[in-house]
Amino acid sequence: MNFYDSYDALLTPEERDLVAAASAFCQGEFRSHLLDSHNQNKPYDTAWIGKWAQAGFLGLQTPRQFGGHDASFLCKIRVAQAMAEHSFAAAFAINNLQGSVTRVARQGSDKHREELLEGMLGGAILCAPAMSEPGGGSDLGALTTRARRVDGGWRISGTKSWITNGQIIQCANVLSRIGDPGDGVEETASFLVPLADGATFRREEIYMPGARSFRLSHLTFQDHFVPDWGLFTPPGQALKASMASVNSARVHVAAMCVASTRSALSEAVVYAQGRQAFGKSLIRHQGLAWELAEVSLRLEAASALVLRAAIAVQSGAPALTLAAQAKKFAVDVAVWGIDQCLRAMGATGASAMHRLAMLSAETRLAAFGDGTSEMLLDRIGKGLAAEYGPSSPAKEISK
C-alpha cells in the first residue's frame, strides 16, 4: 500500500495523472539541484519555475476555459506533496505562485485576466500575496499600508514583510487600507500591484540561512502608482476574502509537512537497513528501531488529520478548528520527526550527502506561516466548547 493511497483514491484519474507527472518532474535533476543549492546556501534557480510553468502546473487550479486543469484542492495538495518530499521550501514557494494564478483566474475581472493571466500561466509574471507587515505579522487588523485615490488609479505607501518569493515577483497582491490616516476610513482593499524597483518601490531580502529558497523579502512602497485596473478586491471585502483562504492555506502547509517527514523517514530507514553496526543492521537495534517507529506512528496520525481537514476544505464544510489542528500537529511532527531521523543516522545524517538537514531547516519555518503554533492553539481553544462540548456535533453523532 502506498503511503498516499487514501488521498489518491479521492482524485479523478486525470488528477492522479497530474500527481504522477509532478512526481516525475521532481525526480532526477531537479531533486539534485535543490540539495546542491541548499548546500551552497543559495535559493534554487528560478529557471525551474519556468519549467514547472511549461509543464502546466502553475495553472493547476485555473479553470479549463482559461487554459488550466481546474484541479481540486486535494489534487493541489498532492502535487505540493510531490515536491515537498524533495524540498519543503521549494514546494511552499512554487505553490505560493500557483495560488496567485488561481486567484486571478477565478476571482479576477476580465481586465485582470487580460493584463496578467497569460504571463502568469507561462511563468513570465510571478505574483505573490503581500499581507503581513513589520508591526502586525498575522494581525491583519493592524494594517498600516495605505492606498489613496488619484487620477487614473491609486498611490500606495507602506511596508509588507515576510513575503514569500518577494525577491523575484513582478506583481504583488497587496492588502491595504484606503484613504489617508485620520480621515475616518478604515475599510481595506487589495490591489494587484505591478512591481519595478525604483524611487517608489524597493525590496530587501530577509536573509534566512539554510532556507533561502523561500526568497523572503520586505516590500516597501512610497506613493507607488497602481492603475485603476489594479484594484482586485473592493473596499470592505478584502479582509474577509483574505481570511477565507486561511483554512486552505493551513491545510496546504500541513500536507507538505507530512510529505517532508515521510521523505525523511524513508531516507533514515533505507540508511538504517544498509548500515552495519555490532554485527547487524542498524534497523535491527531495538533502540533505533523504536525511535523510527515512533516517527512513523506520529506521521500516520498527522497524515490522517490532514486528510480529514483537506476533505472538509474541499467539500466546503466547517474547517476552522480542523485546519488549525492539522497545521499545528503536522508542523510539530515534522520538526520533531525529521530531527529524530537525522539523529538516527548519526553524523552522516547532518552531512551534505543527505537532505535531512535541509528538510529540518526548511520545515521549521512552517511554524510561523499562516498562523504561529501559539495562535493556532488559541484558535483551537476558542472552539473547544462548540467542537467538543456536551451539545457538539461530535457528541450528538456518538449518541
Protein backbone atom coordinates (compact mmCIF):
# COMPACT_ATOMS: atom_id res chain seq x y z
CA MET A 1 0.00 0.00 0.00
CA ASN A 2 1.34 3.41 -0.98
CA PHE A 3 1.53 5.99 1.81
CA TYR A 4 -0.70 8.40 -0.17
CA ASP A 5 -3.31 5.87 -1.35
CA SER A 6 -6.03 7.29 0.91
CA TYR A 7 -5.54 10.71 -0.71
CA ASP A 8 -5.23 9.46 -4.26
CA ALA A 9 -8.36 7.31 -4.01
CA LEU A 10 -10.33 10.58 -3.83
CA LEU A 11 -8.81 12.01 -7.03
CA THR A 12 -10.08 11.61 -10.57
CA PRO A 13 -7.96 9.55 -12.99
CA GLU A 14 -6.82 12.79 -14.65
CA GLU A 15 -5.80 14.23 -11.28
CA ARG A 16 -3.83 11.11 -10.43
CA ASP A 17 -2.02 11.54 -13.74
CA LEU A 18 -1.17 15.12 -12.77
CA VAL A 19 0.25 13.96 -9.44
CA ALA A 20 2.31 11.30 -11.22
CA ALA A 21 3.62 13.89 -13.68
CA ALA A 22 4.53 16.25 -10.83
CA SER A 23 6.34 13.44 -9.03
CA ALA A 24 8.30 12.58 -12.19
CA PHE A 25 9.22 16.26 -12.67
CA CYS A 26 10.64 16.44 -9.15
CA GLN A 27 12.91 13.43 -9.60
CA GLY A 28 16.39 13.43 -11.06
CA GLU A 29 17.98 16.74 -12.00
CA PHE A 30 15.57 18.94 -10.07
CA ARG A 31 15.94 16.85 -6.92
CA SER A 32 19.73 17.07 -7.14
CA HIS A 33 19.64 20.79 -7.89
CA LEU A 34 17.54 21.50 -4.79
CA LEU A 35 20.02 19.78 -2.47
CA ASP A 36 23.06 21.29 -4.20
CA SER A 37 21.58 24.79 -3.90
CA HIS A 38 20.86 24.30 -0.22
CA ASN A 39 24.39 23.06 0.43
CA GLN A 40 25.72 26.21 -1.26
CA ASN A 41 23.31 28.36 0.81
CA LYS A 42 21.60 29.58 -2.37
CA PRO A 43 17.96 29.51 -3.45
CA TYR A 44 17.03 27.14 -6.26
CA ASP A 45 17.40 28.52 -9.80
CA THR A 46 14.31 30.40 -11.00
CA ALA A 47 14.63 28.63 -14.37
CA TRP A 48 12.88 25.72 -12.70
CA ILE A 49 9.79 27.87 -12.20
CA GLY A 50 9.65 28.36 -15.97
CA LYS A 51 9.95 24.61 -16.49
CA TRP A 52 7.19 24.00 -13.94
CA ALA A 53 5.02 26.52 -15.79
CA GLN A 54 5.77 24.90 -19.16
CA ALA A 55 4.63 21.58 -17.68
CA GLY A 56 1.29 23.28 -16.92
CA PHE A 57 1.47 23.23 -13.13
CA LEU A 58 1.09 26.97 -12.47
CA GLY A 59 -2.36 26.55 -13.98
CA LEU A 60 -3.22 23.56 -11.80
CA GLN A 61 -6.44 25.07 -10.40
CA THR A 62 -7.09 27.57 -13.18
CA PRO A 63 -10.42 26.87 -14.95
CA ARG A 64 -10.10 24.99 -18.23
CA GLN A 65 -11.65 27.87 -20.16
CA PHE A 66 -8.54 29.92 -19.29
CA GLY A 67 -6.06 27.17 -20.10
CA GLY A 68 -5.73 25.39 -16.76
CA HIS A 69 -6.50 21.96 -15.32
CA ASP A 70 -9.28 23.03 -12.92
CA ALA A 71 -7.94 20.56 -10.35
CA SER A 72 -9.43 20.00 -6.91
CA PHE A 73 -7.96 21.10 -3.60
CA LEU A 74 -6.93 17.52 -2.83
CA CYS A 75 -5.05 17.38 -6.13
CA LYS A 76 -3.36 20.67 -5.29
CA ILE A 77 -2.01 19.38 -2.00
CA ARG A 78 -0.91 16.10 -3.56
CA VAL A 79 1.08 17.98 -6.21
CA ALA A 80 2.61 20.09 -3.43
CA GLN A 81 3.48 16.94 -1.51
CA ALA A 82 5.24 15.51 -4.57
CA MET A 83 7.67 18.43 -4.41
CA ALA A 84 7.81 18.71 -0.61
CA GLU A 85 9.33 15.23 -0.47
CA HIS A 86 12.43 16.82 -2.01
CA SER A 87 12.30 20.36 -0.56
CA PHE A 88 9.67 21.91 1.68
CA ALA A 89 10.80 25.45 0.81
CA ALA A 90 10.66 24.94 -2.96
CA ALA A 91 7.22 23.33 -2.68
CA PHE A 92 5.91 26.13 -0.46
CA ALA A 93 7.32 28.87 -2.68
CA ILE A 94 6.32 27.46 -6.07
CA ASN A 95 2.84 26.55 -4.91
CA ASN A 96 2.53 30.05 -3.46
CA LEU A 97 2.97 31.32 -7.03
CA GLN A 98 0.40 28.85 -8.31
CA GLY A 99 -2.11 30.10 -5.75
CA SER A 100 -1.83 33.64 -7.10
CA VAL A 101 -2.52 32.40 -10.63
CA THR A 102 -5.63 30.64 -9.34
CA ARG A 103 -6.91 33.77 -7.60
CA VAL A 104 -6.53 35.94 -10.71
CA ALA A 105 -8.14 33.30 -12.92
CA ARG A 106 -11.07 32.55 -10.62
CA GLN A 107 -11.70 35.83 -8.81
CA GLY A 108 -10.26 38.44 -11.12
CA SER A 109 -12.08 40.60 -13.65
CA ASP A 110 -11.78 40.28 -17.41
CA LYS A 111 -9.29 43.17 -17.26
CA HIS A 112 -7.15 41.40 -14.65
CA ARG A 113 -7.03 38.28 -16.78
CA GLU A 114 -6.30 40.31 -19.90
CA GLU A 115 -3.38 42.10 -18.24
CA LEU A 116 -1.86 39.26 -16.25
CA LEU A 117 -3.17 35.73 -16.72
CA GLU A 118 -1.28 34.63 -19.83
CA GLY A 119 2.02 35.83 -18.37
CA MET A 120 1.26 34.23 -15.02
CA LEU A 121 0.38 30.86 -16.52
CA GLY A 122 3.60 30.88 -18.53
CA GLY A 123 5.79 31.97 -15.62
CA ALA A 124 6.73 35.33 -17.17
CA ILE A 125 4.77 37.23 -14.49
CA LEU A 126 5.25 35.94 -10.96
CA CYS A 127 2.82 37.20 -8.33
CA ALA A 128 2.54 36.67 -4.57
CA PRO A 129 0.19 37.80 -1.78
CA ALA A 130 1.53 40.63 0.39
CA MET A 131 -0.45 40.92 3.62
CA SER A 132 1.87 40.80 6.68
CA GLU A 133 3.61 43.93 7.95
CA PRO A 134 6.59 44.53 10.26
CA GLY A 135 4.43 45.56 13.20
CA GLY A 136 1.45 43.33 12.52
CA GLY A 137 2.55 39.89 11.41
CA SER A 138 -0.56 37.71 11.28
CA ASP A 139 -2.68 40.50 12.81
CA LEU A 140 -4.27 41.77 9.60
CA GLY A 141 -6.38 44.19 11.61
CA ALA A 142 -3.20 46.15 12.41
CA LEU A 143 -2.57 47.15 8.79
CA THR A 144 -0.79 50.46 8.27
CA THR A 145 -0.28 50.32 4.49
CA ARG A 146 -2.48 52.95 2.81
CA ALA A 147 -3.81 53.46 -0.69
CA ARG A 148 -5.17 56.88 -1.66
CA ARG A 149 -7.18 57.67 -4.75
CA VAL A 150 -5.51 59.72 -7.52
CA ASP A 151 -6.29 60.37 -11.16
CA GLY A 152 -6.17 57.11 -13.10
CA GLY A 153 -5.54 54.89 -10.12
CA TRP A 154 -4.11 54.75 -6.62
CA ARG A 155 -0.93 55.62 -4.73
CA ILE A 156 0.18 53.04 -2.17
CA SER A 157 2.56 53.64 0.76
CA GLY A 158 3.71 51.15 3.39
CA THR A 159 5.89 48.12 4.01
CA LYS A 160 4.98 44.46 3.66
CA SER A 161 7.15 41.82 5.33
CA TRP A 162 7.86 38.10 5.19
CA ILE A 163 6.72 37.95 1.57
CA THR A 164 7.44 34.56 0.06
CA ASN A 165 9.08 34.95 -3.38
CA GLY A 166 9.45 38.66 -2.64
CA GLN A 167 12.87 38.75 -4.29
CA ILE A 168 11.62 37.59 -7.71
CA ILE A 169 7.99 38.62 -8.20
CA GLN A 170 6.85 41.17 -10.78
CA CYS A 171 3.45 41.69 -9.15
CA ALA A 172 2.06 41.58 -5.61
CA ASN A 173 -1.48 41.24 -4.32
CA VAL A 174 -1.25 43.93 -1.64
CA LEU A 175 -3.71 44.24 1.23
CA SER A 176 -4.14 47.89 2.19
CA ARG A 177 -6.34 50.37 3.98
CA ILE A 178 -7.79 53.05 1.78
CA GLY A 179 -7.74 56.80 2.27
CA ASP A 180 -5.48 58.97 4.44
CA PRO A 181 -4.82 58.40 8.17
CA GLY A 182 -7.33 60.27 10.31
CA ASP A 183 -9.98 60.61 7.61
CA GLY A 184 -12.20 58.07 9.37
CA VAL A 185 -11.97 55.48 6.59
CA GLU A 186 -10.93 52.06 7.89
CA GLU A 187 -12.01 49.84 5.03
CA THR A 188 -9.49 47.56 3.37
CA ALA A 189 -8.97 46.63 -0.26
CA SER A 190 -6.47 44.53 -2.17
CA PHE A 191 -4.54 45.60 -5.25
CA LEU A 192 -2.62 43.77 -7.95
CA VAL A 193 0.45 45.97 -7.89
CA PRO A 194 2.98 45.90 -10.76
CA LEU A 195 6.50 45.95 -9.31
CA ALA A 196 9.56 47.63 -10.76
CA ASP A 197 12.40 48.61 -8.43
CA GLY A 198 12.90 52.36 -8.39
CA ALA A 199 12.11 55.54 -6.50
CA THR A 200 8.66 54.39 -5.33
CA PHE A 201 9.36 50.71 -4.68
CA ARG A 202 12.19 48.70 -3.23
CA ARG A 203 12.66 45.18 -1.89
CA GLU A 204 15.02 43.85 0.75
CA GLU A 205 15.83 40.19 1.31
CA ILE A 206 15.11 38.72 4.72
CA TYR A 207 18.16 36.50 4.96
CA MET A 208 17.29 33.02 6.22
CA PRO A 209 20.36 30.77 6.45
CA GLY A 210 19.51 27.27 5.27
CA ALA A 211 16.13 28.30 3.89
CA ARG A 212 16.84 30.83 1.18
CA SER A 213 14.55 29.14 -1.35
CA PHE A 214 11.62 30.89 0.32
CA ARG A 215 13.17 34.13 -1.01
CA LEU A 216 11.56 36.07 1.86
CA SER A 217 11.55 39.83 1.48
CA HIS A 218 10.38 43.19 2.76
CA LEU A 219 8.50 45.19 0.10
CA THR A 220 8.41 48.95 0.66
CA PHE A 221 6.09 51.29 -1.25
CA GLN A 222 6.30 55.09 -1.24
CA ASP A 223 3.50 56.70 -3.27
CA HIS A 224 3.77 53.76 -5.65
CA PHE A 225 1.29 54.11 -8.50
CA VAL A 226 -1.28 51.37 -9.21
CA PRO A 227 -3.52 51.77 -12.27
CA ASP A 228 -7.30 51.66 -11.91
CA TRP A 229 -7.48 48.07 -13.12
CA GLY A 230 -5.16 47.03 -10.28
CA LEU A 231 -7.97 47.15 -7.70
CA PHE A 232 -8.59 43.44 -7.05
CA THR A 233 -10.89 43.09 -4.04
CA PRO A 234 -13.07 46.18 -3.46
CA PRO A 235 -13.08 48.18 -0.21
CA GLY A 236 -14.92 46.42 2.57
CA GLN A 237 -14.46 42.92 1.13
CA ALA A 238 -10.70 42.37 1.13
CA LEU A 239 -10.12 41.43 4.77
CA LYS A 240 -12.90 38.84 4.68
CA ALA A 241 -11.59 37.45 1.39
CA SER A 242 -8.07 37.21 2.82
CA MET A 243 -9.26 35.36 5.91
CA ALA A 244 -11.38 32.99 3.80
CA SER A 245 -8.26 31.48 2.29
CA VAL A 246 -6.56 30.85 5.64
CA ASN A 247 -8.06 27.41 6.29
CA SER A 248 -6.97 26.01 2.94
CA ALA A 249 -3.51 27.56 3.33
CA ARG A 250 -3.05 25.94 6.74
CA VAL A 251 -4.04 22.51 5.44
CA HIS A 252 -1.77 23.01 2.43
CA VAL A 253 1.21 23.69 4.72
CA ALA A 254 0.31 20.74 6.93
CA ALA A 255 0.16 18.41 3.92
CA MET A 256 3.64 19.48 2.81
CA CYS A 257 4.98 18.91 6.33
CA VAL A 258 3.62 15.37 6.17
CA ALA A 259 5.40 14.80 2.85
CA SER A 260 8.73 16.15 4.08
CA THR A 261 8.52 13.99 7.20
CA ARG A 262 7.69 10.89 5.16
CA SER A 263 10.70 11.59 2.94
CA ALA A 264 12.99 11.94 5.94
CA LEU A 265 11.70 8.72 7.49
CA SER A 266 12.19 6.83 4.24
CA GLU A 267 15.77 8.08 3.96
CA ALA A 268 16.52 7.11 7.55
CA VAL A 269 15.01 3.63 7.15
CA VAL A 270 16.97 2.94 3.96
CA TYR A 271 20.18 4.06 5.65
CA ALA A 272 19.47 2.01 8.78
CA GLN A 273 18.85 -1.09 6.70
CA GLY A 274 22.17 -0.80 4.90
CA ARG A 275 24.43 0.35 7.73
CA GLN A 276 26.01 -2.40 9.84
CA ALA A 277 26.97 -1.93 13.50
CA PHE A 278 27.94 -4.58 16.02
CA GLY A 279 27.22 -7.42 13.63
CA LYS A 280 23.77 -6.41 12.42
CA SER A 281 22.00 -3.64 10.54
CA LEU A 282 21.03 -0.52 12.48
CA ILE A 283 17.35 -1.20 11.90
CA ARG A 284 17.69 -4.41 13.94
CA HIS A 285 18.89 -2.49 17.00
CA GLN A 286 15.81 -2.10 19.16
CA GLY A 287 16.54 1.39 20.44
CA LEU A 288 16.94 2.90 16.98
CA ALA A 289 14.03 0.90 15.52
CA TRP A 290 11.76 2.15 18.28
CA GLU A 291 12.75 5.76 17.64
CA LEU A 292 11.86 5.48 13.97
CA ALA A 293 8.71 3.51 14.82
CA GLU A 294 7.57 6.44 16.95
CA VAL A 295 8.16 8.78 13.99
CA SER A 296 6.05 6.51 11.78
CA LEU A 297 3.24 6.49 14.34
CA ARG A 298 3.02 10.27 14.60
CA LEU A 299 3.43 10.63 10.84
CA GLU A 300 0.43 8.39 10.17
CA ALA A 301 -1.64 10.31 12.72
CA ALA A 302 -0.67 13.65 11.15
CA SER A 303 -1.48 12.37 7.67
CA ALA A 304 -4.92 11.15 8.75
CA LEU A 305 -5.71 14.51 10.37
CA VAL A 306 -4.51 16.41 7.30
CA LEU A 307 -6.65 14.26 5.01
CA ARG A 308 -9.72 14.83 7.18
CA ALA A 309 -9.11 18.58 7.15
CA ALA A 310 -8.49 18.59 3.39
CA ILE A 311 -11.77 16.78 2.73
CA ALA A 312 -13.58 19.36 4.88
CA VAL A 313 -11.98 22.27 2.98
CA GLN A 314 -12.74 20.72 -0.40
CA SER A 315 -16.37 19.99 0.47
CA GLY A 316 -16.97 23.42 1.97
CA ALA A 317 -17.64 22.01 5.44
CA PRO A 318 -16.62 23.97 8.56
CA ALA A 319 -12.87 23.58 8.87
CA LEU A 320 -11.61 26.36 11.13
CA THR A 321 -10.64 24.10 14.02
CA LEU A 322 -9.63 21.15 11.83
CA ALA A 323 -7.29 23.29 9.73
CA ALA A 324 -5.67 24.75 12.84
CA GLN A 325 -5.28 21.30 14.39
CA ALA A 326 -3.83 19.82 11.19
CA LYS A 327 -1.23 22.54 10.77
CA LYS A 328 -0.18 22.63 14.44
CA PHE A 329 0.19 18.87 14.70
CA ALA A 330 1.80 18.30 11.30
CA VAL A 331 4.38 21.03 11.93
CA ASP A 332 5.20 19.62 15.36
CA VAL A 333 5.59 16.13 13.90
CA ALA A 334 7.83 17.43 11.10
CA VAL A 335 10.13 19.45 13.37
CA TRP A 336 10.47 16.62 15.88
CA GLY A 337 10.32 13.68 13.45
CA ILE A 338 12.89 14.93 10.95
CA ASP A 339 15.27 15.63 13.82
CA GLN A 340 14.73 12.07 15.09
CA CYS A 341 15.52 10.69 11.64
CA LEU A 342 18.64 12.84 11.40
CA ARG A 343 19.89 11.67 14.80
CA ALA A 344 19.15 8.05 13.96
CA MET A 345 21.60 8.35 11.07
CA GLY A 346 24.29 9.86 13.25
CA ALA A 347 26.69 12.49 11.92
CA THR A 348 26.14 11.35 8.33
CA GLY A 349 22.51 12.45 8.59
CA ALA A 350 23.62 16.05 9.01
CA SER A 351 26.08 15.88 6.13
CA ALA A 352 25.68 17.29 2.62
CA MET A 353 25.12 13.77 1.30
CA HIS A 354 21.58 13.65 2.66
CA ARG A 355 18.66 16.07 2.56
CA LEU A 356 17.59 15.71 6.18
CA ALA A 357 19.44 18.85 7.31
CA MET A 358 17.75 20.79 4.50
CA LEU A 359 14.28 19.44 5.36
CA SER A 360 14.88 20.23 9.02
CA ALA A 361 15.90 23.84 8.34
CA GLU A 362 13.02 24.43 5.93
CA THR A 363 10.14 22.83 7.83
CA ARG A 364 10.96 24.81 10.98
CA LEU A 365 9.71 27.92 9.20
CA ALA A 366 6.32 26.26 8.71
CA ALA A 367 5.60 27.05 12.37
CA PHE A 368 5.42 30.77 11.55
CA GLY A 369 3.49 30.99 8.27
CA ASP A 370 -0.32 31.15 8.10
CA GLY A 371 -0.57 31.50 11.87
CA THR A 372 2.00 30.65 14.51
CA SER A 373 1.59 27.49 16.58
CA GLU A 374 0.57 29.63 19.56
CA MET A 375 -2.11 31.40 17.53
CA LEU A 376 -3.42 28.05 16.32
CA LEU A 377 -3.69 26.73 19.87
CA ASP A 378 -5.61 29.87 20.79
CA ARG A 379 -7.93 29.32 17.83
CA ILE A 380 -8.48 25.67 18.79
CA GLY A 381 -9.05 26.64 22.41
CA LYS A 382 -11.77 29.14 21.49
CA GLY A 383 -13.64 26.41 19.65
CA LEU A 384 -13.45 23.74 22.33
CA ALA A 385 -16.97 24.26 23.67
CA ALA A 386 -18.55 24.25 20.23
CA GLU A 387 -16.49 21.34 18.89
CA TYR A 388 -16.28 19.09 21.94
CA GLY A 389 -18.89 20.29 24.43
CA PRO A 390 -21.96 18.28 25.50
CA SER A 391 -24.09 19.60 22.62
CA SER A 392 -21.35 19.49 19.95
CA PRO A 393 -21.99 17.64 16.67
CA ALA A 394 -19.43 15.03 17.70
CA LYS A 395 -21.36 14.27 20.90
CA GLU A 396 -24.68 14.11 19.05
CA ILE A 397 -23.34 11.70 16.45
CA SER A 398 -21.93 9.40 19.11
CA LYS A 399 -25.32 9.02 20.84
